[in-house]
Structures are given as structure tokens and as C-alpha cells.
N, C-alpha and C. Protein backbone atom coordinates (compact mmCIF):
# COMPACT_ATOMS: atom_id res chain seq x y z
N GLU A 1 0.85 -1.17 0.00
CA GLU A 1 0.00 0.00 0.00
C GLU A 1 0.89 1.23 0.00
N ASP A 2 0.53 2.24 -0.82
CA ASP A 2 1.30 3.48 -0.83
C ASP A 2 1.29 4.10 0.55
N GLY A 3 2.39 4.69 0.94
CA GLY A 3 2.54 5.30 2.25
C GLY A 3 3.31 4.43 3.22
N VAL A 4 3.32 3.12 3.00
CA VAL A 4 4.10 2.21 3.85
C VAL A 4 5.56 2.37 3.45
N THR A 5 6.44 2.56 4.41
CA THR A 5 7.85 2.77 4.10
C THR A 5 8.75 1.62 4.57
N TYR A 6 8.26 0.81 5.52
CA TYR A 6 9.12 -0.21 6.11
C TYR A 6 8.33 -1.50 6.33
N VAL A 7 8.92 -2.63 5.90
CA VAL A 7 8.38 -3.94 6.22
C VAL A 7 9.32 -4.52 7.26
N GLY A 8 8.83 -4.71 8.46
CA GLY A 8 9.66 -5.11 9.58
C GLY A 8 10.21 -6.51 9.49
N SER A 9 11.24 -6.78 10.26
CA SER A 9 11.84 -8.10 10.33
C SER A 9 10.79 -9.12 10.73
N TYR A 10 10.79 -10.24 10.02
CA TYR A 10 9.89 -11.38 10.28
C TYR A 10 8.40 -11.06 10.07
N THR A 11 8.05 -9.91 9.50
CA THR A 11 6.65 -9.51 9.37
C THR A 11 5.80 -10.54 8.66
N PHE A 12 6.26 -11.07 7.54
CA PHE A 12 5.50 -12.05 6.77
C PHE A 12 6.18 -13.41 6.76
N SER A 13 7.14 -13.61 7.61
CA SER A 13 7.88 -14.86 7.67
C SER A 13 6.93 -16.03 7.90
N GLU A 14 7.10 -17.08 7.10
CA GLU A 14 6.33 -18.32 7.19
C GLU A 14 4.84 -18.12 6.92
N LEU A 15 4.49 -17.08 6.17
CA LEU A 15 3.11 -16.88 5.74
C LEU A 15 2.88 -17.75 4.51
N THR A 16 2.33 -18.91 4.70
CA THR A 16 2.30 -19.93 3.65
C THR A 16 1.31 -19.68 2.53
N ALA A 17 0.34 -18.81 2.70
CA ALA A 17 -0.66 -18.56 1.65
C ALA A 17 -0.22 -17.44 0.69
N LEU A 18 0.84 -16.74 1.00
CA LEU A 18 1.29 -15.62 0.19
C LEU A 18 1.88 -16.12 -1.12
N THR A 19 1.33 -15.67 -2.27
CA THR A 19 1.80 -16.14 -3.58
C THR A 19 2.54 -15.08 -4.38
N GLU A 20 2.27 -13.81 -4.11
CA GLU A 20 2.89 -12.74 -4.89
C GLU A 20 3.12 -11.54 -3.99
N VAL A 21 4.26 -10.88 -4.19
CA VAL A 21 4.57 -9.66 -3.46
C VAL A 21 4.92 -8.57 -4.46
N THR A 22 4.18 -7.47 -4.41
CA THR A 22 4.49 -6.28 -5.18
C THR A 22 4.54 -5.13 -4.20
N LEU A 23 5.72 -4.58 -4.01
CA LEU A 23 5.90 -3.51 -3.03
C LEU A 23 5.80 -2.15 -3.70
N ALA A 24 5.06 -1.25 -3.07
CA ALA A 24 4.91 0.11 -3.57
C ALA A 24 6.25 0.83 -3.54
N ASP A 25 6.40 1.86 -4.37
CA ASP A 25 7.64 2.63 -4.40
C ASP A 25 7.90 3.35 -3.08
N SER A 26 6.86 3.50 -2.24
CA SER A 26 7.07 4.17 -0.95
C SER A 26 7.86 3.31 0.03
N VAL A 27 7.92 1.99 -0.19
CA VAL A 27 8.67 1.11 0.71
C VAL A 27 10.16 1.32 0.45
N THR A 28 10.88 1.69 1.49
CA THR A 28 12.31 1.94 1.35
C THR A 28 13.18 0.92 2.07
N GLU A 29 12.57 0.09 2.93
CA GLU A 29 13.36 -0.90 3.64
C GLU A 29 12.53 -2.15 3.93
N ILE A 30 13.16 -3.30 3.71
CA ILE A 30 12.57 -4.59 4.05
C ILE A 30 13.48 -5.21 5.09
N GLY A 31 12.95 -5.50 6.24
CA GLY A 31 13.75 -6.00 7.36
C GLY A 31 14.27 -7.41 7.15
N ASP A 32 15.21 -7.80 8.00
CA ASP A 32 15.78 -9.14 7.97
C ASP A 32 14.67 -10.18 8.09
N HIS A 33 14.75 -11.22 7.27
CA HIS A 33 13.84 -12.37 7.33
C HIS A 33 12.37 -12.01 7.08
N ALA A 34 12.07 -10.85 6.49
CA ALA A 34 10.70 -10.36 6.37
C ALA A 34 9.77 -11.33 5.65
N PHE A 35 10.25 -12.00 4.61
CA PHE A 35 9.42 -12.93 3.84
C PHE A 35 10.05 -14.33 3.83
N GLN A 36 10.86 -14.62 4.77
CA GLN A 36 11.55 -15.91 4.82
C GLN A 36 10.56 -17.05 4.98
N ARG A 37 10.77 -18.12 4.24
CA ARG A 37 9.97 -19.35 4.29
C ARG A 37 8.50 -19.12 3.98
N CYS A 38 8.20 -18.24 3.03
CA CYS A 38 6.84 -18.09 2.52
C CYS A 38 6.69 -19.14 1.43
N THR A 39 6.11 -20.26 1.76
CA THR A 39 6.20 -21.47 0.94
C THR A 39 5.42 -21.45 -0.36
N SER A 40 4.58 -20.45 -0.60
CA SER A 40 3.83 -20.38 -1.86
C SER A 40 4.23 -19.18 -2.70
N LEU A 41 5.18 -18.40 -2.24
CA LEU A 41 5.58 -17.17 -2.92
C LEU A 41 6.28 -17.48 -4.24
N GLU A 42 5.72 -16.97 -5.35
CA GLU A 42 6.28 -17.25 -6.68
C GLU A 42 6.81 -16.02 -7.39
N THR A 43 6.20 -14.85 -7.20
CA THR A 43 6.59 -13.66 -7.94
C THR A 43 6.84 -12.52 -6.96
N VAL A 44 7.97 -11.84 -7.14
CA VAL A 44 8.33 -10.73 -6.27
C VAL A 44 8.70 -9.53 -7.13
N THR A 45 8.08 -8.38 -6.85
CA THR A 45 8.42 -7.13 -7.53
C THR A 45 8.73 -6.11 -6.44
N ILE A 46 9.94 -5.59 -6.50
CA ILE A 46 10.42 -4.65 -5.48
C ILE A 46 10.64 -3.31 -6.15
N GLY A 47 10.12 -2.26 -5.57
CA GLY A 47 10.23 -0.92 -6.14
C GLY A 47 11.63 -0.35 -6.05
N LYS A 48 11.74 0.93 -6.34
CA LYS A 48 13.05 1.58 -6.34
C LYS A 48 13.41 2.06 -4.94
N ASP A 49 14.68 2.33 -4.75
CA ASP A 49 15.21 2.88 -3.51
C ASP A 49 14.92 2.01 -2.29
N VAL A 50 15.05 0.69 -2.42
CA VAL A 50 14.76 -0.23 -1.34
C VAL A 50 16.04 -0.86 -0.82
N THR A 51 16.14 -1.00 0.49
CA THR A 51 17.21 -1.75 1.12
C THR A 51 16.61 -3.05 1.63
N LEU A 52 17.13 -4.18 1.13
CA LEU A 52 16.65 -5.49 1.55
C LEU A 52 17.53 -6.01 2.67
N GLY A 53 16.91 -6.41 3.75
CA GLY A 53 17.64 -6.95 4.88
C GLY A 53 18.18 -8.34 4.59
N ASP A 54 19.00 -8.83 5.48
CA ASP A 54 19.58 -10.15 5.34
C ASP A 54 18.48 -11.21 5.36
N TYR A 55 18.61 -12.19 4.50
CA TYR A 55 17.69 -13.33 4.41
C TYR A 55 16.24 -12.91 4.15
N ALA A 56 16.02 -11.76 3.52
CA ALA A 56 14.67 -11.21 3.35
C ALA A 56 13.69 -12.17 2.68
N PHE A 57 14.13 -12.89 1.66
CA PHE A 57 13.26 -13.81 0.94
C PHE A 57 13.86 -15.22 0.88
N SER A 58 14.72 -15.55 1.76
CA SER A 58 15.47 -16.80 1.62
C SER A 58 14.70 -18.02 2.09
N LEU A 59 15.16 -19.16 1.63
CA LEU A 59 14.65 -20.47 2.05
C LEU A 59 13.14 -20.53 2.08
N ASN A 60 12.57 -20.62 0.90
CA ASN A 60 11.13 -20.44 0.81
C ASN A 60 10.26 -21.61 0.38
N LYS A 61 10.67 -22.87 0.38
CA LYS A 61 9.71 -23.87 -0.09
C LYS A 61 10.12 -25.28 0.25
N ASP A 62 9.13 -26.13 0.30
CA ASP A 62 9.30 -27.57 0.42
C ASP A 62 10.26 -27.97 1.52
N ASN A 63 9.97 -27.56 2.71
CA ASN A 63 10.80 -27.97 3.83
C ASN A 63 10.64 -29.48 3.95
N ALA A 64 11.59 -30.23 3.48
CA ALA A 64 11.42 -31.68 3.39
C ALA A 64 12.71 -32.40 3.75
N PHE A 65 12.56 -33.57 4.33
CA PHE A 65 13.72 -34.40 4.60
C PHE A 65 13.97 -35.31 3.40
N HIS A 66 15.21 -35.49 3.07
CA HIS A 66 15.60 -36.35 1.95
C HIS A 66 16.68 -37.30 2.42
N LEU A 67 16.70 -38.47 1.85
CA LEU A 67 17.73 -39.46 2.15
C LEU A 67 18.79 -39.36 1.06
N LYS A 68 20.04 -39.21 1.45
CA LYS A 68 21.10 -39.02 0.48
C LYS A 68 22.30 -39.86 0.88
N ASN A 69 22.98 -40.41 -0.12
CA ASN A 69 24.23 -41.13 0.14
C ASN A 69 25.37 -40.13 0.27
N TYR A 70 26.20 -40.31 1.25
CA TYR A 70 27.37 -39.48 1.43
C TYR A 70 28.61 -40.34 1.22
N ASP A 71 29.42 -39.95 0.28
CA ASP A 71 30.71 -40.60 0.05
C ASP A 71 31.75 -39.49 -0.09
N ASP A 72 31.94 -38.75 0.96
CA ASP A 72 32.85 -37.62 0.88
C ASP A 72 33.82 -37.64 2.05
N ASP A 73 34.66 -36.65 2.06
CA ASP A 73 35.67 -36.53 3.11
C ASP A 73 35.25 -35.49 4.15
N SER A 74 33.97 -35.42 4.46
CA SER A 74 33.48 -34.40 5.38
C SER A 74 33.81 -34.72 6.84
N GLY A 75 34.32 -35.92 7.08
CA GLY A 75 34.59 -36.30 8.45
C GLY A 75 33.43 -37.06 9.06
N LEU A 76 32.30 -37.09 8.36
CA LEU A 76 31.13 -37.80 8.87
C LEU A 76 31.11 -39.24 8.42
N GLY A 77 31.97 -39.59 7.47
CA GLY A 77 31.99 -40.95 6.96
C GLY A 77 30.93 -41.17 5.88
N SER A 78 31.02 -42.32 5.22
CA SER A 78 30.07 -42.64 4.16
C SER A 78 28.79 -43.18 4.76
N GLY A 79 27.80 -43.34 3.90
CA GLY A 79 26.54 -43.93 4.32
C GLY A 79 25.37 -43.05 3.98
N LYS A 80 24.20 -43.45 4.44
CA LYS A 80 22.98 -42.70 4.15
C LYS A 80 22.61 -41.86 5.36
N ARG A 81 22.26 -40.62 5.09
CA ARG A 81 21.81 -39.72 6.16
C ARG A 81 20.65 -38.89 5.63
N PHE A 82 19.81 -38.46 6.53
CA PHE A 82 18.77 -37.51 6.17
C PHE A 82 19.37 -36.11 6.20
N TYR A 83 18.94 -35.30 5.26
CA TYR A 83 19.32 -33.90 5.32
C TYR A 83 18.09 -33.06 5.05
N TYR A 84 18.12 -31.84 5.53
CA TYR A 84 16.99 -30.94 5.42
C TYR A 84 17.21 -30.05 4.22
N GLU A 85 16.22 -29.94 3.37
CA GLU A 85 16.37 -29.15 2.15
C GLU A 85 15.24 -28.15 2.05
N PHE A 86 15.56 -26.96 1.61
CA PHE A 86 14.55 -25.94 1.37
C PHE A 86 14.54 -25.65 -0.12
N ARG A 87 13.34 -25.49 -0.68
CA ARG A 87 13.22 -25.09 -2.08
C ARG A 87 12.23 -23.94 -2.13
N SER A 88 12.50 -23.00 -2.98
CA SER A 88 11.65 -21.83 -3.09
C SER A 88 10.84 -21.88 -4.38
N PRO A 89 9.56 -21.50 -4.32
CA PRO A 89 8.77 -21.44 -5.54
C PRO A 89 8.98 -20.14 -6.31
N ILE A 90 9.75 -19.18 -5.78
CA ILE A 90 9.94 -17.91 -6.49
C ILE A 90 10.59 -18.22 -7.84
N LYS A 91 9.91 -17.81 -8.92
CA LYS A 91 10.40 -18.08 -10.27
C LYS A 91 10.94 -16.82 -10.94
N SER A 92 10.33 -15.68 -10.62
CA SER A 92 10.78 -14.45 -11.26
C SER A 92 10.87 -13.34 -10.22
N LEU A 93 11.78 -12.42 -10.47
CA LEU A 93 12.07 -11.37 -9.51
C LEU A 93 12.43 -10.12 -10.27
N THR A 94 11.83 -8.99 -9.88
CA THR A 94 12.18 -7.69 -10.45
C THR A 94 12.59 -6.78 -9.30
N ILE A 95 13.76 -6.16 -9.44
CA ILE A 95 14.29 -5.29 -8.39
C ILE A 95 14.46 -3.89 -8.96
N GLY A 96 13.83 -2.90 -8.32
CA GLY A 96 13.85 -1.51 -8.79
C GLY A 96 15.18 -0.83 -8.58
N GLU A 97 15.28 0.35 -9.16
CA GLU A 97 16.53 1.11 -9.11
C GLU A 97 16.88 1.54 -7.69
N ASN A 98 18.15 1.75 -7.47
CA ASN A 98 18.72 2.24 -6.20
C ASN A 98 18.51 1.28 -5.03
N ALA A 99 18.24 0.02 -5.31
CA ALA A 99 18.06 -0.97 -4.23
C ALA A 99 19.41 -1.39 -3.67
N VAL A 100 19.40 -1.82 -2.42
CA VAL A 100 20.54 -2.43 -1.76
C VAL A 100 20.08 -3.82 -1.36
N ILE A 101 20.77 -4.85 -1.82
CA ILE A 101 20.34 -6.22 -1.58
C ILE A 101 21.31 -6.88 -0.61
N GLY A 102 20.79 -7.26 0.55
CA GLY A 102 21.60 -7.74 1.65
C GLY A 102 22.03 -9.19 1.54
N LYS A 103 22.75 -9.61 2.55
CA LYS A 103 23.33 -10.94 2.65
C LYS A 103 22.25 -12.02 2.57
N ASN A 104 22.44 -12.98 1.66
CA ASN A 104 21.54 -14.12 1.50
C ASN A 104 20.09 -13.73 1.29
N ALA A 105 19.84 -12.56 0.71
CA ALA A 105 18.47 -12.05 0.56
C ALA A 105 17.56 -13.03 -0.18
N PHE A 106 18.10 -13.73 -1.19
CA PHE A 106 17.30 -14.69 -1.95
C PHE A 106 17.95 -16.08 -1.93
N ALA A 107 18.76 -16.33 -0.94
CA ALA A 107 19.47 -17.61 -0.84
C ALA A 107 18.50 -18.78 -0.79
N GLY A 108 18.81 -19.80 -1.52
CA GLY A 108 17.99 -21.00 -1.51
C GLY A 108 16.76 -20.93 -2.37
N CYS A 109 16.60 -19.88 -3.15
CA CYS A 109 15.44 -19.77 -4.05
C CYS A 109 15.73 -20.65 -5.26
N SER A 110 15.53 -21.94 -5.09
CA SER A 110 15.99 -22.92 -6.07
C SER A 110 15.17 -23.00 -7.35
N ASN A 111 14.02 -22.35 -7.41
CA ASN A 111 13.22 -22.32 -8.64
C ASN A 111 13.34 -21.00 -9.38
N LEU A 112 14.11 -20.07 -8.84
CA LEU A 112 14.29 -18.76 -9.45
C LEU A 112 15.04 -18.92 -10.77
N THR A 113 14.42 -18.53 -11.88
CA THR A 113 15.05 -18.68 -13.19
C THR A 113 15.43 -17.34 -13.81
N THR A 114 14.70 -16.27 -13.46
CA THR A 114 14.92 -14.97 -14.10
C THR A 114 14.93 -13.86 -13.06
N VAL A 115 15.92 -12.97 -13.17
CA VAL A 115 16.01 -11.79 -12.32
C VAL A 115 16.15 -10.58 -13.23
N ILE A 116 15.34 -9.56 -12.96
CA ILE A 116 15.47 -8.28 -13.67
C ILE A 116 15.89 -7.25 -12.65
N ILE A 117 17.03 -6.61 -12.90
CA ILE A 117 17.57 -5.62 -11.97
C ILE A 117 17.69 -4.30 -12.72
N GLU A 118 16.98 -3.30 -12.22
CA GLU A 118 17.00 -2.00 -12.89
C GLU A 118 18.32 -1.28 -12.65
N GLU A 119 18.65 -0.41 -13.56
CA GLU A 119 19.88 0.39 -13.45
C GLU A 119 19.83 1.21 -12.17
N GLY A 120 20.96 1.38 -11.55
CA GLY A 120 21.04 2.20 -10.35
C GLY A 120 21.04 1.41 -9.06
N VAL A 121 20.89 0.07 -9.13
CA VAL A 121 21.02 -0.72 -7.92
C VAL A 121 22.41 -0.47 -7.38
N SER A 122 22.49 -0.08 -6.10
CA SER A 122 23.78 0.37 -5.60
C SER A 122 24.60 -0.71 -4.94
N GLU A 123 23.96 -1.81 -4.50
CA GLU A 123 24.74 -2.85 -3.84
C GLU A 123 24.00 -4.18 -3.91
N ILE A 124 24.73 -5.23 -4.24
CA ILE A 124 24.22 -6.60 -4.18
C ILE A 124 25.26 -7.41 -3.44
N ASP A 125 24.92 -7.90 -2.26
CA ASP A 125 25.86 -8.70 -1.50
C ASP A 125 26.23 -9.95 -2.31
N GLU A 126 27.47 -10.37 -2.22
CA GLU A 126 27.94 -11.51 -3.01
C GLU A 126 27.20 -12.81 -2.68
N THR A 127 26.53 -12.88 -1.53
CA THR A 127 25.77 -14.08 -1.17
C THR A 127 24.27 -13.94 -1.45
N ALA A 128 23.85 -12.83 -2.01
CA ALA A 128 22.42 -12.54 -2.18
C ALA A 128 21.68 -13.64 -2.94
N PHE A 129 22.33 -14.26 -3.92
CA PHE A 129 21.69 -15.28 -4.74
C PHE A 129 22.36 -16.64 -4.59
N SER A 130 22.92 -16.92 -3.43
CA SER A 130 23.58 -18.21 -3.25
C SER A 130 22.54 -19.33 -3.25
N ASP A 131 22.94 -20.47 -3.78
CA ASP A 131 22.09 -21.66 -3.88
C ASP A 131 20.84 -21.42 -4.71
N CYS A 132 20.95 -20.61 -5.74
CA CYS A 132 19.86 -20.40 -6.71
C CYS A 132 20.24 -21.13 -7.99
N GLY A 133 20.29 -22.45 -7.93
CA GLY A 133 20.82 -23.28 -9.01
C GLY A 133 20.06 -23.23 -10.32
N ALA A 134 18.80 -22.84 -10.31
CA ALA A 134 18.01 -22.79 -11.56
C ALA A 134 18.12 -21.44 -12.26
N LEU A 135 18.80 -20.49 -11.64
CA LEU A 135 18.89 -19.14 -12.21
C LEU A 135 19.63 -19.18 -13.54
N GLU A 136 18.90 -18.82 -14.60
CA GLU A 136 19.44 -18.89 -15.96
C GLU A 136 19.80 -17.52 -16.52
N ASN A 137 18.96 -16.51 -16.25
CA ASN A 137 19.14 -15.21 -16.87
C ASN A 137 18.98 -14.09 -15.86
N CYS A 138 19.92 -13.15 -15.92
CA CYS A 138 19.84 -11.93 -15.12
C CYS A 138 19.88 -10.77 -16.11
N TYR A 139 18.81 -9.99 -16.12
CA TYR A 139 18.72 -8.83 -17.01
C TYR A 139 19.00 -7.59 -16.18
N PHE A 140 20.15 -6.97 -16.47
CA PHE A 140 20.57 -5.77 -15.75
C PHE A 140 20.43 -4.60 -16.70
N GLU A 141 19.67 -3.59 -16.30
CA GLU A 141 19.35 -2.49 -17.20
C GLU A 141 20.45 -1.42 -17.27
N GLY A 142 21.60 -1.71 -16.67
CA GLY A 142 22.74 -0.82 -16.76
C GLY A 142 23.78 -1.38 -17.73
N SER A 143 24.95 -0.77 -17.72
CA SER A 143 26.01 -1.19 -18.62
C SER A 143 26.78 -2.38 -18.04
N GLU A 144 27.60 -3.01 -18.88
CA GLU A 144 28.46 -4.10 -18.39
C GLU A 144 29.41 -3.60 -17.31
N GLU A 145 29.94 -2.40 -17.48
CA GLU A 145 30.86 -1.83 -16.50
C GLU A 145 30.15 -1.62 -15.15
N GLN A 146 28.92 -1.14 -15.17
CA GLN A 146 28.17 -0.96 -13.93
C GLN A 146 27.92 -2.30 -13.24
N TRP A 147 27.63 -3.33 -14.04
CA TRP A 147 27.41 -4.66 -13.47
C TRP A 147 28.68 -5.16 -12.78
N GLU A 148 29.80 -5.01 -13.46
CA GLU A 148 31.08 -5.44 -12.90
C GLU A 148 31.40 -4.68 -11.62
N ASP A 149 31.06 -3.40 -11.56
CA ASP A 149 31.31 -2.59 -10.37
C ASP A 149 30.51 -3.09 -9.16
N LEU A 150 29.33 -3.68 -9.42
CA LEU A 150 28.51 -4.21 -8.33
C LEU A 150 29.19 -5.41 -7.66
N GLY A 151 29.93 -6.19 -8.44
CA GLY A 151 30.62 -7.36 -7.90
C GLY A 151 29.69 -8.46 -7.44
N ALA A 152 28.49 -8.52 -8.00
CA ALA A 152 27.51 -9.53 -7.59
C ALA A 152 27.87 -10.90 -8.15
N ASP A 153 27.57 -11.93 -7.38
CA ASP A 153 27.77 -13.29 -7.82
C ASP A 153 26.40 -13.88 -8.14
N ILE A 154 26.16 -14.13 -9.40
CA ILE A 154 24.85 -14.62 -9.84
C ILE A 154 24.99 -16.06 -10.33
N GLY A 155 26.04 -16.74 -9.89
CA GLY A 155 26.25 -18.15 -10.25
C GLY A 155 26.53 -18.31 -11.73
N ASP A 156 25.92 -19.32 -12.34
CA ASP A 156 26.14 -19.61 -13.75
C ASP A 156 25.16 -18.91 -14.67
N ALA A 157 24.35 -18.01 -14.14
CA ALA A 157 23.35 -17.32 -14.96
C ALA A 157 24.02 -16.45 -16.02
N THR A 158 23.34 -16.31 -17.13
CA THR A 158 23.80 -15.42 -18.19
C THR A 158 23.39 -13.99 -17.82
N ILE A 159 24.33 -13.07 -17.87
CA ILE A 159 24.06 -11.68 -17.56
C ILE A 159 23.78 -10.95 -18.87
N HIS A 160 22.63 -10.31 -18.95
CA HIS A 160 22.26 -9.51 -20.12
C HIS A 160 22.24 -8.07 -19.66
N THR A 161 23.08 -7.24 -20.25
CA THR A 161 23.11 -5.83 -19.86
C THR A 161 22.49 -4.99 -20.96
N GLU A 162 22.24 -3.73 -20.59
CA GLU A 162 21.66 -2.78 -21.54
C GLU A 162 22.47 -2.72 -22.82
N SER A 163 23.78 -2.86 -22.68
CA SER A 163 24.64 -2.74 -23.86
C SER A 163 24.68 -4.02 -24.68
N ALA A 164 24.16 -5.11 -24.11
CA ALA A 164 24.10 -6.36 -24.88
C ALA A 164 23.04 -6.21 -25.96
N GLU A 165 23.37 -6.59 -27.16
CA GLU A 165 22.43 -6.45 -28.27
C GLU A 165 22.08 -7.82 -28.82
N PRO A 166 20.99 -8.39 -28.31
CA PRO A 166 20.59 -9.69 -28.84
C PRO A 166 20.15 -9.59 -30.28
N GLU A 167 20.34 -10.70 -31.02
CA GLU A 167 19.92 -10.71 -32.41
C GLU A 167 18.42 -10.53 -32.55
N SER A 168 17.67 -11.16 -31.68
CA SER A 168 16.23 -10.97 -31.67
C SER A 168 15.75 -11.04 -30.23
N HIS A 169 14.69 -10.34 -29.97
CA HIS A 169 14.17 -10.27 -28.61
C HIS A 169 12.66 -10.44 -28.68
N VAL A 170 12.17 -11.54 -28.14
CA VAL A 170 10.75 -11.81 -28.17
C VAL A 170 10.27 -12.12 -26.75
N GLU A 171 9.30 -11.36 -26.29
CA GLU A 171 8.72 -11.62 -24.99
C GLU A 171 7.31 -12.16 -25.20
N THR A 172 6.97 -13.20 -24.45
CA THR A 172 5.63 -13.77 -24.55
C THR A 172 5.03 -13.94 -23.17
N LYS A 173 3.71 -13.86 -23.12
CA LYS A 173 2.99 -14.07 -21.88
C LYS A 173 1.99 -15.20 -22.11
N GLN A 174 2.01 -16.17 -21.22
CA GLN A 174 1.08 -17.27 -21.30
C GLN A 174 0.36 -17.35 -19.96
N THR A 175 -0.97 -17.34 -20.00
CA THR A 175 -1.75 -17.45 -18.77
C THR A 175 -2.07 -18.92 -18.52
N ILE A 176 -1.64 -19.40 -17.39
CA ILE A 176 -1.89 -20.78 -16.99
C ILE A 176 -3.12 -20.77 -16.09
N ALA A 177 -4.16 -21.46 -16.50
CA ALA A 177 -5.42 -21.48 -15.77
C ALA A 177 -5.27 -22.29 -14.48
N PRO A 178 -6.03 -21.90 -13.46
CA PRO A 178 -5.99 -22.68 -12.22
C PRO A 178 -6.65 -24.04 -12.41
N THR A 179 -6.20 -24.98 -11.61
CA THR A 179 -6.81 -26.32 -11.60
C THR A 179 -7.33 -26.58 -10.19
N CYS A 180 -7.81 -27.75 -9.97
CA CYS A 180 -8.30 -28.10 -8.63
C CYS A 180 -7.19 -28.13 -7.60
N THR A 181 -5.97 -28.37 -8.04
CA THR A 181 -4.87 -28.52 -7.09
C THR A 181 -3.83 -27.42 -7.16
N GLU A 182 -3.86 -26.58 -8.20
CA GLU A 182 -2.85 -25.54 -8.34
C GLU A 182 -3.49 -24.21 -8.71
N GLN A 183 -2.86 -23.12 -8.25
CA GLN A 183 -3.33 -21.79 -8.59
C GLN A 183 -2.93 -21.44 -10.01
N GLY A 184 -3.67 -20.61 -10.66
CA GLY A 184 -3.29 -20.11 -11.97
C GLY A 184 -2.21 -19.05 -11.85
N TYR A 185 -1.53 -18.77 -12.96
CA TYR A 185 -0.49 -17.75 -12.94
C TYR A 185 -0.17 -17.33 -14.37
N ASP A 186 0.52 -16.21 -14.49
CA ASP A 186 1.00 -15.74 -15.79
C ASP A 186 2.45 -16.15 -15.92
N LEU A 187 2.79 -16.75 -17.05
CA LEU A 187 4.15 -17.19 -17.32
C LEU A 187 4.73 -16.29 -18.40
N TYR A 188 5.79 -15.58 -18.07
CA TYR A 188 6.44 -14.69 -19.01
C TYR A 188 7.73 -15.34 -19.47
N THR A 189 7.99 -15.34 -20.76
CA THR A 189 9.25 -15.86 -21.26
C THR A 189 9.87 -14.82 -22.18
N CYS A 190 11.16 -14.83 -22.20
CA CYS A 190 11.91 -13.90 -23.03
C CYS A 190 12.98 -14.70 -23.74
N SER A 191 13.02 -14.58 -25.06
CA SER A 191 14.09 -15.24 -25.80
C SER A 191 14.92 -14.17 -26.48
N CYS A 192 16.18 -14.25 -26.25
CA CYS A 192 17.09 -13.26 -26.81
C CYS A 192 18.05 -13.92 -27.75
């Protein structure tokens, strides 16, 4: 809602029915862990001039135990052990200009495939997107030099900057209808 300037720490943490977050431009700060473990959150749009606290949207889905074989030199020895895994349903993310993105802000968002970052983002912590293994494309609306100055680690994702000139650029929107077991949503794809 316009007029709100701050989302406090843990305000929406573990709110399992939340599917989409669109923050008004009046919001200037999101506290630590504000949306952590929101297990249905798929789309996040953050306005300009926002400072994101540590772990703001991290570890957001499928809190599940898994059985895994360990054959490593971790000191624990080989064998089968249960481990706890978090997966996030967040698939797309848009971050407005002049944002500051804190430590592990989107860590563990394992379904995140696309990030759009507007020009003027002033800081992205090197751990902001850790463990985002599905992240394929990061669209940065600034220059390559500005991206390099940020020093952000976006894993193996392809960085597309304003100065990048794709041969063709096609954006499509597909509306996925709701079913008895799943909510409907809009699916946006971009091919460059």
C-alpha cells in the first residue's frame, strides 16, 4: 500500500498462503527475514530505492527431509543420512533502481530462473543469490561496467546488460489457468 515505508523483520515470515509480493515505491526498507519461508511465494516485484535486509526472501519452499548417500571426506563418513532441504517457488524477480540487496536475501530460491535488476542498484551482496541453481538469466538495465562494479555473484546465470544487443528479442505471456490442485499464474518468457 502506498505510504508504507518499512516492512519489519519477520513480518510475513512463514506466511504460507502468500503467492505474490508487489511492493509500492514508498517502501524503502525490508527488514531481515521479512518474507523468509513463505512457501507459496512465486513472484516478487520490489520498487526503487529499497534496502533489503539479510535473508529477506530466503529459504522459501518444500521444507522436506531427503535421504542421500554421502561418500565424501566431510569427516562424517560414508553412508545414508537424512538432510533438510529448502526449495523456493519464487520463479521471477524484479528489483527496482537504487536498491541495496543484503546478505543471502534470496538464498535457496531454487526455482528462481529470471532476475530483472533496474539500473542504479547500488549494492548486491555476493551471497544474495547463493544456492539459486536454476537461475538462468539476469537482465541488468545498466552497462556491463556498472554490473562489474557491483561485484555480484549470480552463479552460472547469463548476464544480459543494456549494452548487450541480442539478435532478436521476443517476450511472450502465457496465462496458466488454475486447476483443482494448483493456482493459476502468468508465465512470461523472453528469448534473446
